[in-house]
């Protein structure tokens, strides 16, 4: 039976392994063992951890420290701005500098900030680009992230001012990217609802201007399949109008992503076919 500290350590590792994609973890284990290795897809964190321990025996302190750093990079609970890549793409790791000067982003001369760029292939043809800042003198620790779908020519930028500045001044010139920012509106949300077999959530705008309602801004519905569920609710409750007509559609959730016209895109899972279909909708709306 595990002791309290060991149980806590395993819980932390299980959480970390749950966030790291099976493809990237396979590459990591192959690098550690110097032997090609592939973790089966669709394993949860516990089973990925058990599989890793069965393969390499144990995790050293150095490996655990590396995994804890990776956990931050693989935490995708944030919003992203999507861009379409207009020209041909020939992505190579060495086009991005491994280190770069940071004075432009942190101009305080009293603080020495180191800047590093990591390019991690988290799924075949999908790269997580991390721009990492650190400073021993000020305990500064922050990073910005970008997701590049090389086959789809889709580029996601973490939604914050620093990421946008780094995109324009560093990433875009280094990779020679010609980016187009597609419009995201209620038409986009409805197009997604018509092209996905199952919708898990919808958000409606119900302000006084859009729905004649005072005191409310948005209303959200959630469930295993909200479109047929809403129709059934209308029939069961003998409602004159469906809940789907509350107001303009401003947000939607699927198995693999959420999209809100005000906040951007949120990644739930990297499903290539879903993002390919989403890119097609962006192109139609552009």
C-alpha atoms as a PDB file:
ATOM      1  CA  UNK A   1       0.000   0.000   0.000  1.00  0.00           C
ATOM      2  CA  UNK A   2       1.343   3.425  -0.936  1.00  0.00           C
ATOM      3  CA  UNK A   3       2.267   5.924   1.770  1.00  0.00           C
ATOM      4  CA  UNK A   4       0.620   9.361   1.862  1.00  0.00           C
ATOM      5  CA  UNK A   5       3.477  11.233   0.108  1.00  0.00           C
ATOM      6  CA  UNK A   6       3.891   8.494  -2.501  1.00  0.00           C
ATOM      7  CA  UNK A   7       0.136   8.477  -3.144  1.00  0.00           C
ATOM      8  CA  UNK A   8       0.199  12.256  -3.627  1.00  0.00           C
ATOM      9  CA  UNK A   9       3.153  11.927  -6.026  1.00  0.00           C
ATOM     10  CA  UNK A  10       1.338   9.320  -8.097  1.00  0.00           C
ATOM     11  CA  UNK A  11      -1.781  11.514  -8.226  1.00  0.00           C
ATOM     12  CA  UNK A  12       0.306  14.413  -9.570  1.00  0.00           C
ATOM     13  CA  UNK A  13       1.949  12.169 -12.169  1.00  0.00           C
ATOM     14  CA  UNK A  14      -1.432  10.769 -13.204  1.00  0.00           C
ATOM     15  CA  UNK A  15      -2.701  14.304 -13.787  1.00  0.00           C
ATOM     16  CA  UNK A  16       0.401  15.173 -15.822  1.00  0.00           C
ATOM     17  CA  UNK A  17       0.125  12.045 -17.965  1.00  0.00           C
ATOM     18  CA  UNK A  18      -3.552  12.731 -18.576  1.00  0.00           C
ATOM     19  CA  UNK A  19      -2.632  16.047 -20.229  1.00  0.00           C
ATOM     20  CA  UNK A  20       0.281  14.878 -22.393  1.00  0.00           C
ATOM     21  CA  UNK A  21      -0.795  13.484 -25.760  1.00  0.00           C
ATOM     22  CA  UNK A  22      -0.083   9.765 -26.376  1.00  0.00           C
ATOM     23  CA  UNK A  23       1.932  10.580 -29.504  1.00  0.00           C
ATOM     24  CA  UNK A  24       4.259  12.996 -27.705  1.00  0.00           C
ATOM     25  CA  UNK A  25       4.582  10.659 -24.727  1.00  0.00           C
ATOM     26  CA  UNK A  26       5.570   7.848 -27.099  1.00  0.00           C
ATOM     27  CA  UNK A  27       8.340  10.051 -28.528  1.00  0.00           C
ATOM     28  CA  UNK A  28       9.470  10.933 -25.009  1.00  0.00           C
ATOM     29  CA  UNK A  29       9.665   7.298 -23.894  1.00  0.00           C
ATOM     30  CA  UNK A  30      11.454   6.349 -27.117  1.00  0.00           C
ATOM     31  CA  UNK A  31      14.007   9.075 -26.388  1.00  0.00           C
ATOM     32  CA  UNK A  32      14.482   7.882 -22.806  1.00  0.00           C
ATOM     33  CA  UNK A  33      14.850   4.199 -23.730  1.00  0.00           C
ATOM     34  CA  UNK A  34      16.601   4.735 -27.110  1.00  0.00           C
ATOM     35  CA  UNK A  35      14.065   2.257 -28.499  1.00  0.00           C
ATOM     36  CA  UNK A  36      11.008   2.973 -30.688  1.00  0.00           C
ATOM     37  CA  UNK A  37       7.877   2.818 -28.567  1.00  0.00           C
ATOM     38  CA  UNK A  38       4.188   3.586 -29.127  1.00  0.00           C
ATOM     39  CA  UNK A  39       1.577   4.130 -26.440  1.00  0.00           C
ATOM     40  CA  UNK A  40      -1.944   3.063 -27.490  1.00  0.00           C
ATOM     41  CA  UNK A  41      -4.317   5.990 -28.131  1.00  0.00           C
ATOM     42  CA  UNK A  42      -7.269   6.896 -25.898  1.00  0.00           C
ATOM     43  CA  UNK A  43      -5.617   5.897 -22.620  1.00  0.00           C
ATOM     44  CA  UNK A  44      -6.417   7.967 -19.554  1.00  0.00           C
ATOM     45  CA  UNK A  45      -3.695   9.422 -17.338  1.00  0.00           C
ATOM     46  CA  UNK A  46      -3.510   6.437 -14.998  1.00  0.00           C
ATOM     47  CA  UNK A  47      -3.096   3.887 -17.768  1.00  0.00           C
ATOM     48  CA  UNK A  48      -0.530   6.056 -19.580  1.00  0.00           C
ATOM     49  CA  UNK A  49       1.430   6.322 -16.331  1.00  0.00           C
ATOM     50  CA  UNK A  50       1.219   2.562 -15.671  1.00  0.00           C
ATOM     51  CA  UNK A  51       2.334   1.811 -19.241  1.00  0.00           C
ATOM     52  CA  UNK A  52       5.301   4.158 -18.884  1.00  0.00           C
ATOM     53  CA  UNK A  53       6.400   2.657 -15.560  1.00  0.00           C
ATOM     54  CA  UNK A  54       6.124  -0.858 -16.985  1.00  0.00           C
ATOM     55  CA  UNK A  55       8.369   0.232 -19.860  1.00  0.00           C
ATOM     56  CA  UNK A  56      11.089   2.228 -18.104  1.00  0.00           C
ATOM     57  CA  UNK A  57      10.826   0.881 -14.553  1.00  0.00           C
ATOM     58  CA  UNK A  58      10.787   4.180 -12.641  1.00  0.00           C
ATOM     59  CA  UNK A  59      10.860   7.933 -13.102  1.00  0.00           C
ATOM     60  CA  UNK A  60      13.951   9.754 -11.864  1.00  0.00           C
ATOM     61  CA  UNK A  61      13.726  13.175 -10.259  1.00  0.00           C
ATOM     62  CA  UNK A  62      15.071  14.738 -13.473  1.00  0.00           C
ATOM     63  CA  UNK A  63      12.357  13.078 -15.566  1.00  0.00           C
ATOM     64  CA  UNK A  64       9.646  14.138 -13.111  1.00  0.00           C
ATOM     65  CA  UNK A  65      10.894  17.738 -13.241  1.00  0.00           C
ATOM     66  CA  UNK A  66      10.795  17.646 -17.047  1.00  0.00           C
ATOM     67  CA  UNK A  67       7.265  16.219 -16.962  1.00  0.00           C
ATOM     68  CA  UNK A  68       6.059  18.917 -14.557  1.00  0.00           C
ATOM     69  CA  UNK A  69       7.360  21.591 -16.898  1.00  0.00           C
ATOM     70  CA  UNK A  70       5.634  19.901 -19.824  1.00  0.00           C
ATOM     71  CA  UNK A  71       2.364  19.805 -17.889  1.00  0.00           C
ATOM     72  CA  UNK A  72       2.127  23.611 -18.018  1.00  0.00           C
ATOM     73  CA  UNK A  73       2.700  23.597 -21.754  1.00  0.00           C
ATOM     74  CA  UNK A  74       0.048  20.902 -22.286  1.00  0.00           C
ATOM     75  CA  UNK A  75      -2.628  22.636 -20.192  1.00  0.00           C
ATOM     76  CA  UNK A  76      -4.983  23.874 -22.904  1.00  0.00           C
ATOM     77  CA  UNK A  77      -7.639  25.447 -20.679  1.00  0.00           C
ATOM     78  CA  UNK A  78      -7.359  28.792 -22.466  1.00  0.00           C
ATOM     79  CA  UNK A  79      -8.711  30.531 -25.532  1.00  0.00           C
ATOM     80  CA  UNK A  80      -6.978  30.660 -28.924  1.00  0.00           C
ATOM     81  CA  UNK A  81      -7.302  32.921 -31.946  1.00  0.00           C
ATOM     82  CA  UNK A  82      -7.430  30.892 -35.194  1.00  0.00           C
ATOM     83  CA  UNK A  83      -5.568  31.949 -38.345  1.00  0.00           C
ATOM     84  CA  UNK A  84      -5.492  30.464 -41.834  1.00  0.00           C
ATOM     85  CA  UNK A  85      -2.096  30.125 -43.551  1.00  0.00           C
ATOM     86  CA  UNK A  86      -2.500  31.604 -47.013  1.00  0.00           C
ATOM     87  CA  UNK A  87       0.718  30.457 -48.709  1.00  0.00           C
ATOM     88  CA  UNK A  88       2.533  27.132 -49.028  1.00  0.00           C
ATOM     89  CA  UNK A  89       4.036  25.931 -45.750  1.00  0.00           C
ATOM     90  CA  UNK A  90       7.414  24.277 -45.338  1.00  0.00           C
ATOM     91  CA  UNK A  91       7.809  24.015 -41.581  1.00  0.00           C
ATOM     92  CA  UNK A  92      11.194  23.110 -40.118  1.00  0.00           C
ATOM     93  CA  UNK A  93      12.243  23.348 -36.481  1.00  0.00           C
ATOM     94  CA  UNK A  94      15.459  25.189 -37.271  1.00  0.00           C
ATOM     95  CA  UNK A  95      13.602  28.147 -38.767  1.00  0.00           C
ATOM     96  CA  UNK A  96      12.806  29.238 -35.216  1.00  0.00           C
ATOM     97  CA  UNK A  97      15.675  30.466 -33.018  1.00  0.00           C
ATOM     98  CA  UNK A  98      16.278  28.371 -29.913  1.00  0.00           C
ATOM     99  CA  UNK A  99      17.138  31.523 -27.953  1.00  0.00           C
ATOM    100  CA  UNK A 100      16.269  35.168 -28.604  1.00  0.00           C
ATOM    101  CA  UNK A 101      16.654  38.631 -27.112  1.00  0.00           C
ATOM    102  CA  UNK A 102      13.829  39.662 -24.816  1.00  0.00           C
ATOM    103  CA  UNK A 103      14.373  43.405 -24.261  1.00  0.00           C
ATOM    104  CA  UNK A 104      11.506  44.248 -26.606  1.00  0.00           C
ATOM    105  CA  UNK A 105       9.040  42.349 -24.441  1.00  0.00           C
ATOM    106  CA  UNK A 106      10.567  43.085 -21.021  1.00  0.00           C
ATOM    107  CA  UNK A 107      12.364  46.457 -21.333  1.00  0.00           C
ATOM    108  CA  UNK A 108      13.334  46.840 -17.657  1.00  0.00           C
ATOM    109  CA  UNK A 109      17.198  47.026 -17.738  1.00  0.00           C
ATOM    110  CA  UNK A 110      17.391  45.804 -14.116  1.00  0.00           C
ATOM    111  CA  UNK A 111      15.873  42.445 -15.023  1.00  0.00           C
ATOM    112  CA  UNK A 112      17.719  39.913 -17.143  1.00  0.00           C
ATOM    113  CA  UNK A 113      15.167  37.727 -18.928  1.00  0.00           C
ATOM    114  CA  UNK A 114      16.055  34.613 -20.914  1.00  0.00           C
ATOM    115  CA  UNK A 115      13.970  33.671 -23.934  1.00  0.00           C
ATOM    116  CA  UNK A 116      13.724  30.128 -25.329  1.00  0.00           C
ATOM    117  CA  UNK A 117      11.594  28.564 -28.057  1.00  0.00           C
ATOM    118  CA  UNK A 118      10.545  24.909 -28.030  1.00  0.00           C
ATOM    119  CA  UNK A 119       8.815  23.131 -30.906  1.00  0.00           C
ATOM    120  CA  UNK A 120       7.024  19.967 -29.756  1.00  0.00           C
ATOM    121  CA  UNK A 121       5.257  17.594 -32.148  1.00  0.00           C
ATOM    122  CA  UNK A 122       2.269  16.650 -30.019  1.00  0.00           C
ATOM    123  CA  UNK A 123       0.443  14.675 -32.728  1.00  0.00           C
ATOM    124  CA  UNK A 124       1.523  13.804 -36.291  1.00  0.00           C
ATOM    125  CA  UNK A 125       1.787  17.100 -38.163  1.00  0.00           C
ATOM    126  CA  UNK A 126       0.630  19.162 -35.151  1.00  0.00           C
ATOM    127  CA  UNK A 127       3.289  21.252 -33.405  1.00  0.00           C
ATOM    128  CA  UNK A 128       3.055  23.085 -30.108  1.00  0.00           C
ATOM    129  CA  UNK A 129       5.403  26.079 -30.275  1.00  0.00           C
ATOM    130  CA  UNK A 130       6.271  27.408 -26.815  1.00  0.00           C
ATOM    131  CA  UNK A 131       7.977  30.766 -26.278  1.00  0.00           C
ATOM    132  CA  UNK A 132       9.320  30.504 -22.737  1.00  0.00           C
ATOM    133  CA  UNK A 133      10.558  33.422 -20.589  1.00  0.00           C
ATOM    134  CA  UNK A 134      12.446  33.060 -17.329  1.00  0.00           C
ATOM    135  CA  UNK A 135      14.515  35.256 -15.011  1.00  0.00           C
ATOM    136  CA  UNK A 136      16.351  34.201 -11.871  1.00  0.00           C
ATOM    137  CA  UNK A 137      16.654  37.763 -10.616  1.00  0.00           C
ATOM    138  CA  UNK A 138      12.906  38.516 -10.603  1.00  0.00           C
ATOM    139  CA  UNK A 139      11.445  34.990 -10.407  1.00  0.00           C
ATOM    140  CA  UNK A 140       9.698  35.787 -13.690  1.00  0.00           C
ATOM    141  CA  UNK A 141       8.198  32.737 -15.322  1.00  0.00           C
ATOM    142  CA  UNK A 142       5.782  33.044 -18.205  1.00  0.00           C
ATOM    143  CA  UNK A 143       5.281  31.580 -21.651  1.00  0.00           C
ATOM    144  CA  UNK A 144       3.195  31.972 -24.794  1.00  0.00           C
ATOM    145  CA  UNK A 145       2.000  29.173 -27.031  1.00  0.00           C
ATOM    146  CA  UNK A 146       1.072  28.594 -30.639  1.00  0.00           C
ATOM    147  CA  UNK A 147      -0.359  25.475 -32.306  1.00  0.00           C
ATOM    148  CA  UNK A 148       0.579  24.769 -35.919  1.00  0.00           C
ATOM    149  CA  UNK A 149      -1.384  22.228 -37.983  1.00  0.00           C
ATOM    150  CA  UNK A 150       1.079  21.733 -40.845  1.00  0.00           C
ATOM    151  CA  UNK A 151      -1.186  19.556 -43.016  1.00  0.00           C
ATOM    152  CA  UNK A 152      -4.223  21.776 -42.532  1.00  0.00           C
ATOM    153  CA  UNK A 153      -2.325  25.076 -42.703  1.00  0.00           C
ATOM    154  CA  UNK A 154      -4.147  26.209 -39.572  1.00  0.00           C
ATOM    155  CA  UNK A 155      -2.396  28.297 -36.918  1.00  0.00           C
ATOM    156  CA  UNK A 156      -3.702  28.953 -33.389  1.00  0.00           C
ATOM    157  CA  UNK A 157      -2.398  31.803 -31.234  1.00  0.00           C
ATOM    158  CA  UNK A 158      -2.941  31.844 -27.480  1.00  0.00           C
ATOM    159  CA  UNK A 159      -5.341  34.680 -26.767  1.00  0.00           C
ATOM    160  CA  UNK A 160      -3.365  37.335 -24.896  1.00  0.00           C
ATOM    161  CA  UNK A 161      -1.532  40.572 -25.851  1.00  0.00           C
ATOM    162  CA  UNK A 162       1.983  39.155 -25.372  1.00  0.00           C
ATOM    163  CA  UNK A 163       1.301  36.212 -27.698  1.00  0.00           C
ATOM    164  CA  UNK A 164      -0.003  38.560 -30.390  1.00  0.00           C
ATOM    165  CA  UNK A 165       3.113  40.754 -30.098  1.00  0.00           C
ATOM    166  CA  UNK A 166       5.437  37.741 -30.290  1.00  0.00           C
ATOM    167  CA  UNK A 167       3.511  36.428 -33.293  1.00  0.00           C
ATOM    168  CA  UNK A 168       4.006  39.665 -35.224  1.00  0.00           C
ATOM    169  CA  UNK A 169       7.607  40.408 -34.215  1.00  0.00           C
ATOM    170  CA  UNK A 170       9.151  36.925 -33.942  1.00  0.00           C
ATOM    171  CA  UNK A 171       7.148  33.878 -35.069  1.00  0.00           C
ATOM    172  CA  UNK A 172       5.597  35.235 -38.255  1.00  0.00           C
ATOM    173  CA  UNK A 173       8.863  36.652 -39.715  1.00  0.00           C
ATOM    174  CA  UNK A 174      10.874  33.544 -38.757  1.00  0.00           C
ATOM    175  CA  UNK A 175       8.448  31.143 -40.436  1.00  0.00           C
ATOM    176  CA  UNK A 176       7.430  33.470 -43.265  1.00  0.00           C
ATOM    177  CA  UNK A 177       3.750  33.043 -42.469  1.00  0.00           C
ATOM    178  CA  UNK A 178       1.080  34.879 -44.429  1.00  0.00           C
ATOM    179  CA  UNK A 179      -1.845  34.675 -41.998  1.00  0.00           C
ATOM    180  CA  UNK A 180      -5.509  35.473 -42.448  1.00  0.00           C
ATOM    181  CA  UNK A 181      -7.777  35.952 -39.424  1.00  0.00           C
ATOM    182  CA  UNK A 182     -11.209  34.516 -40.398  1.00  0.00           C
ATOM    183  CA  UNK A 183     -14.354  36.223 -39.054  1.00  0.00           C
ATOM    184  CA  UNK A 184     -16.178  34.311 -36.327  1.00  0.00           C
ATOM    185  CA  UNK A 185     -19.850  35.149 -35.911  1.00  0.00           C
ATOM    186  CA  UNK A 186     -23.279  33.576 -35.424  1.00  0.00           C
ATOM    187  CA  UNK A 187     -23.181  32.220 -38.983  1.00  0.00           C
ATOM    188  CA  UNK A 188     -19.975  30.337 -38.094  1.00  0.00           C
ATOM    189  CA  UNK A 189     -21.633  28.856 -34.990  1.00  0.00           C
ATOM    190  CA  UNK A 190     -24.670  27.688 -36.955  1.00  0.00           C
ATOM    191  CA  UNK A 191     -22.455  26.217 -39.689  1.00  0.00           C
ATOM    192  CA  UNK A 192     -20.641  24.135 -37.065  1.00  0.00           C
ATOM    193  CA  UNK A 193     -23.968  22.913 -35.636  1.00  0.00           C
ATOM    194  CA  UNK A 194     -25.017  21.760 -39.112  1.00  0.00           C
ATOM    195  CA  UNK A 195     -21.793  19.864 -39.786  1.00  0.00           C
ATOM    196  CA  UNK A 196     -21.314  18.019 -36.491  1.00  0.00           C
ATOM    197  CA  UNK A 197     -23.254  14.908 -35.555  1.00  0.00           C
ATOM    198  CA  UNK A 198     -23.376  15.812 -31.864  1.00  0.00           C
ATOM    199  CA  UNK A 199     -23.347  19.231 -30.163  1.00  0.00           C
ATOM    200  CA  UNK A 200     -22.629  19.315 -26.422  1.00  0.00           C
ATOM    201  CA  UNK A 201     -23.453  22.959 -25.723  1.00  0.00           C
ATOM    202  CA  UNK A 202     -24.817  26.215 -27.140  1.00  0.00           C
ATOM    203  CA  UNK A 203     -24.750  29.795 -25.874  1.00  0.00           C
ATOM    204  CA  UNK A 204     -27.288  32.442 -26.885  1.00  0.00           C
ATOM    205  CA  UNK A 205     -27.133  36.227 -26.652  1.00  0.00           C
ATOM    206  CA  UNK A 206     -30.252  37.456 -24.829  1.00  0.00           C
ATOM    207  CA  UNK A 207     -29.641  41.165 -24.184  1.00  0.00           C
ATOM    208  CA  UNK A 208     -32.387  43.758 -24.439  1.00  0.00           C
ATOM    209  CA  UNK A 209     -31.185  44.603 -27.960  1.00  0.00           C
ATOM    210  CA  UNK A 210     -31.165  41.033 -29.291  1.00  0.00           C
ATOM    211  CA  UNK A 211     -33.929  39.293 -27.345  1.00  0.00           C
ATOM    212  CA  UNK A 212     -35.825  42.057 -25.558  1.00  0.00           C
ATOM    213  CA  UNK A 213     -34.742  40.709 -22.169  1.00  0.00           C
ATOM    214  CA  UNK A 214     -33.539  42.964 -19.354  1.00  0.00           C
ATOM    215  CA  UNK A 215     -31.004  41.731 -16.792  1.00  0.00           C
ATOM    216  CA  UNK A 216     -29.549  38.882 -18.856  1.00  0.00           C
ATOM    217  CA  UNK A 217     -26.642  38.707 -21.294  1.00  0.00           C
ATOM    218  CA  UNK A 218     -26.239  35.075 -22.300  1.00  0.00           C
ATOM    219  CA  UNK A 219     -28.003  31.761 -21.724  1.00  0.00           C
ATOM    220  CA  UNK A 220     -26.221  28.421 -22.192  1.00  0.00           C
ATOM    221  CA  UNK A 221     -27.568  24.917 -22.591  1.00  0.00           C
ATOM    222  CA  UNK A 222     -25.470  21.755 -22.212  1.00  0.00           C
ATOM    223  CA  UNK A 223     -25.995  18.046 -22.617  1.00  0.00           C
ATOM    224  CA  UNK A 224     -25.030  14.922 -24.525  1.00  0.00           C
ATOM    225  CA  UNK A 225     -26.806  16.083 -27.710  1.00  0.00           C
ATOM    226  CA  UNK A 226     -28.481  19.467 -27.287  1.00  0.00           C
ATOM    227  CA  UNK A 227     -30.091  19.938 -30.723  1.00  0.00           C
ATOM    228  CA  UNK A 228     -32.518  16.980 -30.667  1.00  0.00           C
ATOM    229  CA  UNK A 229     -32.823  17.440 -26.908  1.00  0.00           C
ATOM    230  CA  UNK A 230     -34.079  20.994 -27.414  1.00  0.00           C
ATOM    231  CA  UNK A 231     -36.677  19.846 -29.943  1.00  0.00           C
ATOM    232  CA  UNK A 232     -37.863  17.139 -27.559  1.00  0.00           C
ATOM    233  CA  UNK A 233     -38.136  19.703 -24.754  1.00  0.00           C
ATOM    234  CA  UNK A 234     -40.304  21.932 -26.938  1.00  0.00           C
ATOM    235  CA  UNK A 235     -42.638  19.026 -27.747  1.00  0.00           C
ATOM    236  CA  UNK A 236     -42.737  17.685 -24.183  1.00  0.00           C
ATOM    237  CA  UNK A 237     -43.426  21.098 -22.634  1.00  0.00           C
ATOM    238  CA  UNK A 238     -45.747  22.182 -25.471  1.00  0.00           C
ATOM    239  CA  UNK A 239     -43.700  25.353 -25.956  1.00  0.00           C
ATOM    240  CA  UNK A 240     -44.572  27.790 -28.735  1.00  0.00           C
ATOM    241  CA  UNK A 241     -40.904  28.335 -29.603  1.00  0.00           C
ATOM    242  CA  UNK A 242     -37.814  26.177 -29.301  1.00  0.00           C
ATOM    243  CA  UNK A 243     -35.145  27.175 -26.804  1.00  0.00           C
ATOM    244  CA  UNK A 244     -32.872  27.383 -29.854  1.00  0.00           C
ATOM    245  CA  UNK A 245     -34.649  30.626 -30.834  1.00  0.00           C
ATOM    246  CA  UNK A 246     -33.750  32.467 -27.612  1.00  0.00           C
ATOM    247  CA  UNK A 247     -31.351  34.776 -29.430  1.00  0.00           C
ATOM    248  CA  UNK A 248     -28.287  34.880 -31.698  1.00  0.00           C
ATOM    249  CA  UNK A 249     -26.000  31.880 -31.303  1.00  0.00           C
ATOM    250  CA  UNK A 250     -22.645  33.075 -29.921  1.00  0.00           C
ATOM    251  CA  UNK A 251     -21.018  29.898 -28.575  1.00  0.00           C
ATOM    252  CA  UNK A 252     -20.860  26.175 -29.315  1.00  0.00           C
ATOM    253  CA  UNK A 253     -19.182  23.107 -27.819  1.00  0.00           C
ATOM    254  CA  UNK A 254     -18.268  19.804 -29.480  1.00  0.00           C
ATOM    255  CA  UNK A 255     -16.250  16.797 -28.308  1.00  0.00           C
ATOM    256  CA  UNK A 256     -13.000  18.302 -29.547  1.00  0.00           C
ATOM    257  CA  UNK A 257     -13.377  22.068 -29.186  1.00  0.00           C
ATOM    258  CA  UNK A 258     -15.496  25.006 -28.021  1.00  0.00           C
ATOM    259  CA  UNK A 259     -15.886  28.242 -29.972  1.00  0.00           C
ATOM    260  CA  UNK A 260     -17.194  31.585 -28.723  1.00  0.00           C
ATOM    261  CA  UNK A 261     -17.417  34.622 -30.999  1.00  0.00           C
ATOM    262  CA  UNK A 262     -16.175  36.924 -28.225  1.00  0.00           C
ATOM    263  CA  UNK A 263     -13.481  34.769 -26.598  1.00  0.00           C
ATOM    264  CA  UNK A 264     -12.150  32.507 -29.342  1.00  0.00           C
ATOM    265  CA  UNK A 265     -11.427  28.784 -29.611  1.00  0.00           C
ATOM    266  CA  UNK A 266     -10.870  26.362 -26.740  1.00  0.00           C
ATOM    267  CA  UNK A 267      -9.267  22.960 -27.385  1.00  0.00           C
ATOM    268  CA  UNK A 268     -10.741  19.867 -25.731  1.00  0.00           C
ATOM    269  CA  UNK A 269      -9.021  17.170 -27.818  1.00  0.00           C
ATOM    270  CA  UNK A 270      -6.810  17.143 -30.902  1.00  0.00           C
ATOM    271  CA  UNK A 271      -8.977  15.366 -33.474  1.00  0.00           C
ATOM    272  CA  UNK A 272      -7.508  15.965 -36.937  1.00  0.00           C
ATOM    273  CA  UNK A 273     -10.740  15.396 -38.875  1.00  0.00           C
ATOM    274  CA  UNK A 274     -12.681  17.814 -36.655  1.00  0.00           C
ATOM    275  CA  UNK A 275     -10.131  20.594 -37.075  1.00  0.00           C
ATOM    276  CA  UNK A 276     -10.012  19.932 -40.813  1.00  0.00           C
ATOM    277  CA  UNK A 277     -13.778  20.388 -40.956  1.00  0.00           C
ATOM    278  CA  UNK A 278     -13.557  23.505 -38.775  1.00  0.00           C
ATOM    279  CA  UNK A 279     -10.918  24.989 -41.078  1.00  0.00           C
ATOM    280  CA  UNK A 280     -13.237  24.388 -44.036  1.00  0.00           C
ATOM    281  CA  UNK A 281     -15.964  26.394 -42.295  1.00  0.00           C
ATOM    282  CA  UNK A 282     -13.497  29.220 -41.569  1.00  0.00           C
ATOM    283  CA  UNK A 283     -12.540  29.287 -45.264  1.00  0.00           C
ATOM    284  CA  UNK A 284     -16.176  29.511 -46.334  1.00  0.00           C
ATOM    285  CA  UNK A 285     -16.769  32.416 -43.944  1.00  0.00           C
ATOM    286  CA  UNK A 286     -13.519  34.241 -44.847  1.00  0.00           C
END
